[in-house]
C-alpha atoms as a PDB file:
ATOM      1  CA  MET A   1      74.678 -96.959  37.296  1.00  0.00           C
ATOM      2  CA  THR A   2      75.474 -94.257  39.821  1.00  0.00           C
ATOM      3  CA  ALA A   3      76.526 -90.827  38.583  1.00  0.00           C
ATOM      4  CA  ARG A   4      79.982 -91.193  40.152  1.00  0.00           C
ATOM      5  CA  PHE A   5      82.631 -93.849  40.641  1.00  0.00           C
ATOM      6  CA  PRO A   6      84.069 -94.316  44.148  1.00  0.00           C
ATOM      7  CA  ASP A   7      86.669 -91.569  44.701  1.00  0.00           C
ATOM      8  CA  ASP A   8      86.364 -90.660  40.986  1.00  0.00           C
ATOM      9  CA  GLN A   9      88.646 -93.595  40.161  1.00  0.00           C
ATOM     10  CA  ALA A  10      88.320 -96.314  37.517  1.00  0.00           C
ATOM     11  CA  GLU A  11      90.314 -98.673  35.359  1.00  0.00           C
ATOM     12  CA  VAL A  12      90.190 -97.348  31.783  1.00  0.00           C
ATOM     13  CA  VAL A  13      90.776 -99.779  28.899  1.00  0.00           C
ATOM     14  CA  PHE A  14      90.671 -99.370  25.124  1.00  0.00           C
ATOM     15  CA  SER A  15      89.864-101.741  22.290  1.00  0.00           C
ATOM     16  CA  ASP A  16      92.591-102.209  19.687  1.00  0.00           C
ATOM     17  CA  VAL A  17      90.275-100.470  17.218  1.00  0.00           C
ATOM     18  CA  PHE A  18      90.159 -97.337  19.376  1.00  0.00           C
ATOM     19  CA  VAL A  19      93.955 -97.274  19.800  1.00  0.00           C
ATOM     20  CA  GLU A  20      94.395 -97.548  16.023  1.00  0.00           C
ATOM     21  CA  GLN A  21      91.918 -94.717  15.522  1.00  0.00           C
ATOM     22  CA  LEU A  22      93.888 -92.535  17.926  1.00  0.00           C
ATOM     23  CA  THR A  23      97.074 -93.076  15.903  1.00  0.00           C
ATOM     24  CA  GLU A  24      95.332 -91.544  12.888  1.00  0.00           C
ATOM     25  CA  LEU A  25      94.653 -88.264  14.718  1.00  0.00           C
ATOM     26  CA  THR A  26      96.951 -85.276  15.040  1.00  0.00           C
ATOM     27  CA  GLU A  27      98.820 -84.988  18.334  1.00  0.00           C
ATOM     28  CA  HIS A  28      96.554 -82.101  19.370  1.00  0.00           C
ATOM     29  CA  ASP A  29      93.405 -84.139  18.697  1.00  0.00           C
ATOM     30  CA  GLN A  30      94.847 -87.181  20.465  1.00  0.00           C
ATOM     31  CA  LEU A  31      95.347 -85.097  23.597  1.00  0.00           C
ATOM     32  CA  ASP A  32      91.831 -83.678  23.394  1.00  0.00           C
ATOM     33  CA  VAL A  33      90.224 -87.110  23.023  1.00  0.00           C
ATOM     34  CA  LEU A  34      92.339 -88.727  25.745  1.00  0.00           C
ATOM     35  CA  ALA A  35      91.660 -85.886  28.182  1.00  0.00           C
ATOM     36  CA  ASP A  36      87.910 -86.170  27.552  1.00  0.00           C
ATOM     37  CA  VAL A  37      87.992 -89.942  27.987  1.00  0.00           C
ATOM     38  CA  HIS A  38      89.980 -89.642  31.217  1.00  0.00           C
ATOM     39  CA  ARG A  39      87.329 -87.266  32.593  1.00  0.00           C
ATOM     40  CA  LEU A  40      84.875 -90.181  32.439  1.00  0.00           C
ATOM     41  CA  CYS A  41      86.433 -91.251  35.749  1.00  0.00           C
ATOM     42  CA  GLU A  42      84.766 -88.172  37.240  1.00  0.00           C
ATOM     43  CA  GLN A  43      81.679 -88.065  35.012  1.00  0.00           C
ATOM     44  CA  PRO A  44      80.923 -91.608  33.844  1.00  0.00           C
ATOM     45  CA  GLU A  45      77.311 -90.999  32.852  1.00  0.00           C
ATOM     46  CA  GLY A  46      78.084 -89.368  29.511  1.00  0.00           C
ATOM     47  CA  ARG A  47      75.331 -87.650  27.535  1.00  0.00           C
ATOM     48  CA  HIS A  48      73.584 -90.211  25.353  1.00  0.00           C
ATOM     49  CA  ARG A  49      72.646 -93.757  26.397  1.00  0.00           C
ATOM     50  CA  LEU A  50      72.203 -96.068  23.446  1.00  0.00           C
ATOM     51  CA  GLY A  51      69.397 -98.508  22.757  1.00  0.00           C
ATOM     52  CA  ALA A  52      69.388-101.900  21.063  1.00  0.00           C
ATOM     53  CA  PRO A  53      71.551-103.279  19.538  1.00  0.00           C
ATOM     54  CA  LEU A  54      73.971-101.146  21.603  1.00  0.00           C
ATOM     55  CA  ALA A  55      72.042-101.257  24.866  1.00  0.00           C
ATOM     56  CA  GLY A  56      74.396-100.735  27.805  1.00  0.00           C
ATOM     57  CA  TRP A  57      76.709 -98.457  25.824  1.00  0.00           C
ATOM     58  CA  ASN A  58      77.008 -94.697  26.050  1.00  0.00           C
ATOM     59  CA  THR A  59      78.559 -91.922  23.997  1.00  0.00           C
ATOM     60  CA  LEU A  60      80.891 -89.027  24.669  1.00  0.00           C
ATOM     61  CA  ASP A  61      81.099 -86.020  22.349  1.00  0.00           C
ATOM     62  CA  VAL A  62      84.682 -85.094  21.432  1.00  0.00           C
ATOM     63  CA  LEU A  63      86.591 -82.887  18.987  1.00  0.00           C
ATOM     64  CA  ALA A  64      84.164 -79.968  19.007  1.00  0.00           C
ATOM     65  CA  LYS A  65      81.239 -82.429  18.996  1.00  0.00           C
ATOM     66  CA  GLN A  66      82.111 -83.614  15.506  1.00  0.00           C
ATOM     67  CA  PHE A  67      82.987 -87.109  16.756  1.00  0.00           C
ATOM     68  CA  ARG A  68      81.674 -89.468  19.401  1.00  0.00           C
ATOM     69  CA  VAL A  69      83.385 -92.058  21.549  1.00  0.00           C
ATOM     70  CA  VAL A  70      81.347 -95.177  22.311  1.00  0.00           C
ATOM     71  CA  TYR A  71      82.012 -96.668  25.744  1.00  0.00           C
ATOM     72  CA  ARG A  72      80.419 -98.484  28.671  1.00  0.00           C
ATOM     73  CA  THR A  73      80.897 -98.275  32.412  1.00  0.00           C
ATOM     74  CA  SER A  74      80.464-100.783  35.221  1.00  0.00           C
ATOM     75  CA  TRP A  75      81.399-101.582  38.815  1.00  0.00           C
ATOM     76  CA  HIS A  76      83.269-104.676  39.949  1.00  0.00           C
ATOM     77  CA  THR A  77      83.477-105.234  43.723  1.00  0.00           C
ATOM     78  CA  GLY A  78      83.492-101.496  44.253  1.00  0.00           C
ATOM     79  CA  VAL A  79      86.034-100.662  41.530  1.00  0.00           C
ATOM     80  CA  GLY A  80      84.933 -98.683  38.488  1.00  0.00           C
ATOM     81  CA  LEU A  81      85.627 -99.761  34.920  1.00  0.00           C
ATOM     82  CA  VAL A  82      85.457 -97.719  31.699  1.00  0.00           C
ATOM     83  CA  GLU A  83      85.685 -99.737  28.464  1.00  0.00           C
ATOM     84  CA  VAL A  84      86.153 -97.668  25.303  1.00  0.00           C
ATOM     85  CA  LEU A  85      84.966 -99.314  22.103  1.00  0.00           C
ATOM     86  CA  CYS A  86      85.558 -96.918  19.200  1.00  0.00           C
ATOM     87  CA  LEU A  87      85.564 -93.365  17.858  1.00  0.00           C
ATOM     88  CA  GLY A  88      83.638 -92.135  14.855  1.00  0.00           C
ATOM     89  CA  PRO A  89      81.985 -89.178  13.118  1.00  0.00           C
ATOM     90  CA  ARG A  90      78.545 -88.093  14.328  1.00  0.00           C
ATOM     91  CA  ARG A  91      77.301 -87.433  10.808  1.00  0.00           C
ATOM     92  CA  GLU A  92      74.769 -89.896   9.386  1.00  0.00           C
ATOM     93  CA  SER A  93      75.219 -92.187  12.413  1.00  0.00           C
ATOM     94  CA  GLU A  94      78.574 -93.467  11.120  1.00  0.00           C
ATOM     95  CA  VAL A  95      79.853 -93.976  14.639  1.00  0.00           C
ATOM     96  CA  TYR A  96      76.923 -96.244  15.524  1.00  0.00           C
ATOM     97  CA  ASP A  97      77.353 -98.458  12.468  1.00  0.00           C
ATOM     98  CA  MET A  98      81.013 -98.805  13.401  1.00  0.00           C
ATOM     99  CA  ALA A  99      80.219 -99.480  17.058  1.00  0.00           C
ATOM    100  CA  ILE A 100      77.740-102.224  16.209  1.00  0.00           C
ATOM    101  CA  ALA A 101      80.305-103.979  14.044  1.00  0.00           C
ATOM    102  CA  VAL A 102      83.060-103.688  16.649  1.00  0.00           C
ATOM    103  CA  ALA A 103      80.785-104.745  19.525  1.00  0.00           C
ATOM    104  CA  ARG A 104      79.614-107.820  17.623  1.00  0.00           C
ATOM    105  CA  SER A 105      83.240-108.796  17.025  1.00  0.00           C
ATOM    106  CA  GLY A 106      83.581-109.367  20.777  1.00  0.00           C
ATOM    107  CA  ILE A 107      86.835-107.435  20.825  1.00  0.00           C
ATOM    108  CA  LEU A 108      86.280-106.149  24.364  1.00  0.00           C
ATOM    109  CA  ASP A 109      85.344-109.569  25.695  1.00  0.00           C
ATOM    110  CA  VAL A 110      88.904-110.894  25.443  1.00  0.00           C
ATOM    111  CA  ASP A 111      91.817-110.172  27.740  1.00  0.00           C
ATOM    112  CA  GLU A 112      93.919-108.338  25.149  1.00  0.00           C
ATOM    113  CA  VAL A 113      92.735-104.808  25.796  1.00  0.00           C
ATOM    114  CA  THR A 114      95.010-101.805  26.198  1.00  0.00           C
ATOM    115  CA  GLN A 115      95.067 -99.854  29.436  1.00  0.00           C
ATOM    116  CA  LEU A 116      94.988 -96.067  29.199  1.00  0.00           C
ATOM    117  CA  TRP A 117      98.538 -95.910  30.572  1.00  0.00           C
ATOM    118  CA  GLU A 118      99.806 -98.370  27.958  1.00  0.00           C
ATOM    119  CA  ALA A 119      98.133 -96.340  25.219  1.00  0.00           C
ATOM    120  CA  LEU A 120      99.909 -93.189  26.392  1.00  0.00           C
ATOM    121  CA  SER A 121     103.224 -94.976  25.990  1.00  0.00           C
ATOM    122  CA  LEU A 122     102.311 -96.349  22.548  1.00  0.00           C
ATOM    123  CA  LEU A 123     101.243 -92.898  21.377  1.00  0.00           C
ATOM    124  CA  ASP A 124     104.219 -91.188  23.032  1.00  0.00           C
ATOM    125  CA  VAL A 125     101.882 -88.952  25.037  1.00  0.00           C
ATOM    126  CA  VAL A 126     103.144 -87.408  28.275  1.00  0.00           C
ATOM    127  CA  PRO A 127     100.632 -88.258  31.048  1.00  0.00           C
ATOM    128  CA  GLU A 128     100.664 -84.717  32.406  1.00  0.00           C
ATOM    129  CA  ALA A 129      99.381 -83.480  29.031  1.00  0.00           C
ATOM    130  CA  ILE A 130      95.978 -85.008  29.789  1.00  0.00           C
ATOM    131  CA  GLY A 131      95.880 -84.192  33.500  1.00  0.00           C
ATOM    132  CA  LEU A 132      97.573 -87.283  34.947  1.00  0.00           C
ATOM    133  CA  ASP A 133     100.546 -87.472  37.286  1.00  0.00           C
ATOM    134  CA  GLY A 134     102.960 -89.754  35.503  1.00  0.00           C
ATOM    135  CA  TRP A 135     105.237 -90.233  38.521  1.00  0.00           C
ATOM    136  CA  ASP A 136     102.855 -91.317  41.304  1.00  0.00           C
ATOM    137  CA  TYR A 137     103.307 -95.048  40.792  1.00  0.00           C
ATOM    138  CA  GLN A 138     105.415 -97.689  42.514  1.00  0.00           C
ATOM    139  CA  PRO A 139     106.992-100.421  40.356  1.00  0.00           C
ATOM    140  CA  SER A 140     108.271-103.693  41.756  1.00  0.00           C
ATOM    141  CA  PRO A 141     111.591-102.855  43.455  1.00  0.00           C
ATOM    142  CA  ALA A 142     114.982-104.182  42.383  1.00  0.00           C
ATOM    143  CA  PRO A 143     116.491-107.073  44.402  1.00  0.00           C
ATOM    144  CA  ASP A 144     118.179-106.169  47.686  1.00  0.00           C
ATOM    145  CA  GLY A 145     121.580-107.235  46.326  1.00  0.00           C
ATOM    146  CA  MET A 146     121.373-104.736  43.479  1.00  0.00           C
ATOM    147  CA  VAL A 147     120.295-101.996  45.866  1.00  0.00           C
ATOM    148  CA  ARG A 148     123.206-102.711  48.205  1.00  0.00           C
ATOM    149  CA  ALA A 149     125.662-102.732  45.293  1.00  0.00           C
ATOM    150  CA  ALA A 150     124.459 -99.354  44.028  1.00  0.00           C
ATOM    151  CA  VAL A 151     124.669 -97.844  47.516  1.00  0.00           C
ATOM    152  CA  ALA A 152     128.112 -99.329  48.188  1.00  0.00           C
ATOM    153  CA  ALA A 153     129.383 -97.919  44.887  1.00  0.00           C
ATOM    154  CA  GLY A 154     128.173 -94.469  45.887  1.00  0.00           C
ATOM    155  CA  VAL A 155     125.935 -94.224  42.842  1.00  0.00           C
ATOM    156  CA  LEU A 156     122.708 -93.621  44.795  1.00  0.00           C
ATOM    157  CA  PRO A 157     121.585 -93.224  48.416  1.00  0.00           C
ATOM    158  CA  GLU A 158     119.632 -96.146  49.852  1.00  0.00           C
ATOM    159  CA  ASP A 159     116.331 -94.275  50.213  1.00  0.00           C
ATOM    160  CA  ILE A 160     116.240 -93.753  46.432  1.00  0.00           C
ATOM    161  CA  ALA A 161     117.906 -96.962  45.247  1.00  0.00           C
ATOM    162  CA  SER A 162     115.427 -99.071  47.250  1.00  0.00           C
ATOM    163  CA  LEU A 163     112.490 -97.541  45.343  1.00  0.00           C
ATOM    164  CA  LEU A 164     113.769 -98.181  41.821  1.00  0.00           C
ATOM    165  CA  SER A 165     112.800-101.035  39.536  1.00  0.00           C
ATOM    166  CA  ILE A 166     115.413-103.445  38.154  1.00  0.00           C
ATOM    167  CA  ASP A 167     115.559-101.609  34.810  1.00  0.00           C
ATOM    168  CA  GLU A 168     115.801 -98.222  36.467  1.00  0.00           C
ATOM    169  CA  LEU A 169     118.547 -99.297  38.842  1.00  0.00           C
ATOM    170  CA  GLN A 170     120.514-100.900  36.014  1.00  0.00           C
ATOM    171  CA  ALA A 171     120.291 -97.637  34.082  1.00  0.00           C
ATOM    172  CA  ALA A 172     121.440 -95.698  37.150  1.00  0.00           C
ATOM    173  CA  MET A 173     124.438 -97.968  37.674  1.00  0.00           C
ATOM    174  CA  THR A 174     125.393 -97.629  34.014  1.00  0.00           C
ATOM    175  CA  GLY A 175     124.906 -93.891  33.657  1.00  0.00           C
ATOM    176  CA  GLY A 176     125.755 -92.701  37.160  1.00  0.00           C
ATOM    177  CA  TRP A 177     129.401 -91.853  36.650  1.00  0.00           C
ATOM    178  CA  SER A 178     131.317 -88.676  35.914  1.00  0.00           C
ATOM    179  CA  SER A 179     133.756 -88.326  33.013  1.00  0.00           C
ATOM    180  CA  ALA A 180     136.507 -88.937  35.573  1.00  0.00           C
ATOM    181  CA  GLY A 181     134.966 -92.258  36.566  1.00  0.00           C
ATOM    182  CA  GLN A 182     133.593 -91.051  39.892  1.00  0.00           C
ATOM    183  CA  PRO A 183     130.066 -91.923  41.088  1.00  0.00           C
ATOM    184  CA  ASP A 184     127.574 -89.160  40.224  1.00  0.00           C
ATOM    185  CA  PRO A 185     124.228 -89.611  42.056  1.00  0.00           C
ATOM    186  CA  HIS A 186     122.614 -86.761  40.107  1.00  0.00           C
ATOM    187  CA  GLU A 187     123.382 -88.379  36.754  1.00  0.00           C
ATOM    188  CA  ALA A 188     122.469 -91.794  38.133  1.00  0.00           C
ATOM    189  CA  LEU A 189     118.986 -90.601  39.066  1.00  0.00           C
ATOM    190  CA  ARG A 190     118.598 -88.835  35.737  1.00  0.00           C
ATOM    191  CA  ALA A 191     119.469 -92.072  33.925  1.00  0.00           C
ATOM    192  CA  ALA A 192     116.975 -94.030  36.049  1.00  0.00           C
ATOM    193  CA  LEU A 193     114.139 -91.600  35.370  1.00  0.00           C
ATOM    194  CA  GLU A 194     114.913 -91.484  31.667  1.00  0.00           C
ATOM    195  CA  ARG A 195     114.644 -95.267  31.686  1.00  0.00           C
ATOM    196  CA  ALA A 196     111.251 -94.940  33.351  1.00  0.00           C
ATOM    197  CA  ARG A 197     109.935 -92.423  30.823  1.00  0.00           C
ATOM    198  CA  ALA A 198     111.178 -91.884  27.299  1.00  0.00           C
ATOM    199  CA  ARG A 199     110.141 -88.230  27.226  1.00  0.00           C
ATOM    200  CA  VAL A 200     111.217 -86.752  30.552  1.00  0.00           C
ATOM    201  CA  THR A 201     111.775 -83.325  32.017  1.00  0.00           C
ATOM    202  CA  TYR A 202     114.032 -84.105  34.961  1.00  0.00           C
ATOM    203  CA  PRO A 203     111.736 -83.888  38.021  1.00  0.00           C
ATOM    204  CA  GLY A 204     114.341 -84.470  40.724  1.00  0.00           C
ATOM    205  CA  PRO A 205     114.433 -87.022  43.561  1.00  0.00           C
ATOM    206  CA  GLU A 206     110.882 -86.234  44.726  1.00  0.00           C
ATOM    207  CA  ALA A 207     109.576 -88.233  41.751  1.00  0.00           C
ATOM    208  CA  VAL A 208     111.090 -91.363  43.289  1.00  0.00           C
ATOM    209  CA  LEU A 209     110.701 -90.570  46.998  1.00  0.00           C
ATOM    210  CA  GLY A 210     106.952 -90.196  46.473  1.00  0.00           C
ATOM    211  CA  ARG A 211     106.842 -93.933  45.794  1.00  0.00           C
ATOM    212  CA  ALA A 212     107.257 -94.541  49.510  1.00  0.00           C
ATOM    213  CA  ARG A 213     103.731 -93.236  50.090  1.00  0.00           C
ATOM    214  CA  PRO A 214     100.942 -95.816  50.619  1.00  0.00           C
ATOM    215  CA  ARG A 215      99.590 -97.332  47.418  1.00  0.00           C
ATOM    216  CA  CYS A 216      96.027 -97.354  46.100  1.00  0.00           C
ATOM    217  CA  GLY A 217      95.880-101.148  45.915  1.00  0.00           C
ATOM    218  CA  ALA A 218      92.486-101.376  44.176  1.00  0.00           C
ATOM    219  CA  VAL A 219      92.151-104.636  42.205  1.00  0.00           C
ATOM    220  CA  MET A 220      91.447-103.645  38.606  1.00  0.00           C
ATOM    221  CA  PRO A 221      88.634-105.607  36.918  1.00  0.00           C
ATOM    222  CA  ARG A 222      90.366-106.219  33.585  1.00  0.00           C
ATOM    223  CA  ALA A 223      94.044-106.255  34.563  1.00  0.00           C
ATOM    224  CA  SER A 224      93.340-108.393  37.668  1.00  0.00           C
ATOM    225  CA  LEU A 225      96.230-106.548  39.302  1.00  0.00           C
ATOM    226  CA  ARG A 226      96.417-104.029  42.121  1.00  0.00           C
ATOM    227  CA  CYS A 227      96.742-100.362  41.287  1.00  0.00           C
ATOM    228  CA  ILE A 228     100.286 -99.087  41.871  1.00  0.00           C
ATOM    229  CA  ARG A 229      99.393 -95.396  41.987  1.00  0.00           C
ATOM    230  CA  ALA A 230      99.455 -93.446  45.250  1.00  0.00           C
ATOM    231  CA  HIS A 231      96.538 -93.843  47.654  1.00  0.00           C
ATOM    232  CA  GLY A 232      93.808 -91.310  46.932  1.00  0.00           C
ATOM    233  CA  HIS A 233      94.962 -90.634  43.365  1.00  0.00           C
ATOM    234  CA  PRO A 234      92.468 -89.025  40.999  1.00  0.00           C
ATOM    235  CA  GLY A 235      91.340 -90.705  37.789  1.00  0.00           C
ATOM    236  CA  ALA A 236      92.608 -93.834  36.110  1.00  0.00           C
ATOM    237  CA  HIS A 237      94.037 -96.801  38.021  1.00  0.00           C
ATOM    238  CA  ARG A 238      97.378 -98.175  36.827  1.00  0.00           C
ATOM    239  CA  SER A 239      98.850-101.677  36.856  1.00  0.00           C
ATOM    240  CA  ARG A 240     102.420-101.010  35.626  1.00  0.00           C
END
């Protein structure tokens, strides 16, 4: 395995066990662990390669080196993959006993793994809190008819309406009106972005206009979908 992934990018997926372990941590510790795991996109080698029966796995020290994350890395047609198995205490090799049990369960060999981005949503973690740009993605756009209706109603300009998803545009058309019943593009965009992210500090139209930039397009090994983040993005690929 090379010391770096191409462009420091990789798909990052978690086992259900790891996601459950994250929910048991404080918010501060969740952020620390997630930030350290995300840095594996830049430094995938880790510090401690494991031998049998965990050959092929590696560990990452987290939480002031009191815990370790067990993970493995690989390449698939030029796209990096980080698969995170579990988290456990370093003391008395507890983490390794846990990792052996989880690995033998085959939990990472099935399709039902959780992408890093999905985990952030489940944990209610703001992507920027772990060094990610949570706005540099491009969802599937709403149908042309919806876009034309929103523009004709004066709720949004075409350059923004054409870059919104169905759910976002529906939220804009519902919330984009003043108390006097007049179209309010500012409130429409706010409603759309709040639909996109539950916890949102209003970023303005640039959050949507950036979606017009070329996309990454890398085919992710586990999701089998193309990355919808901006071309040249750092870190974890994203499928939705």
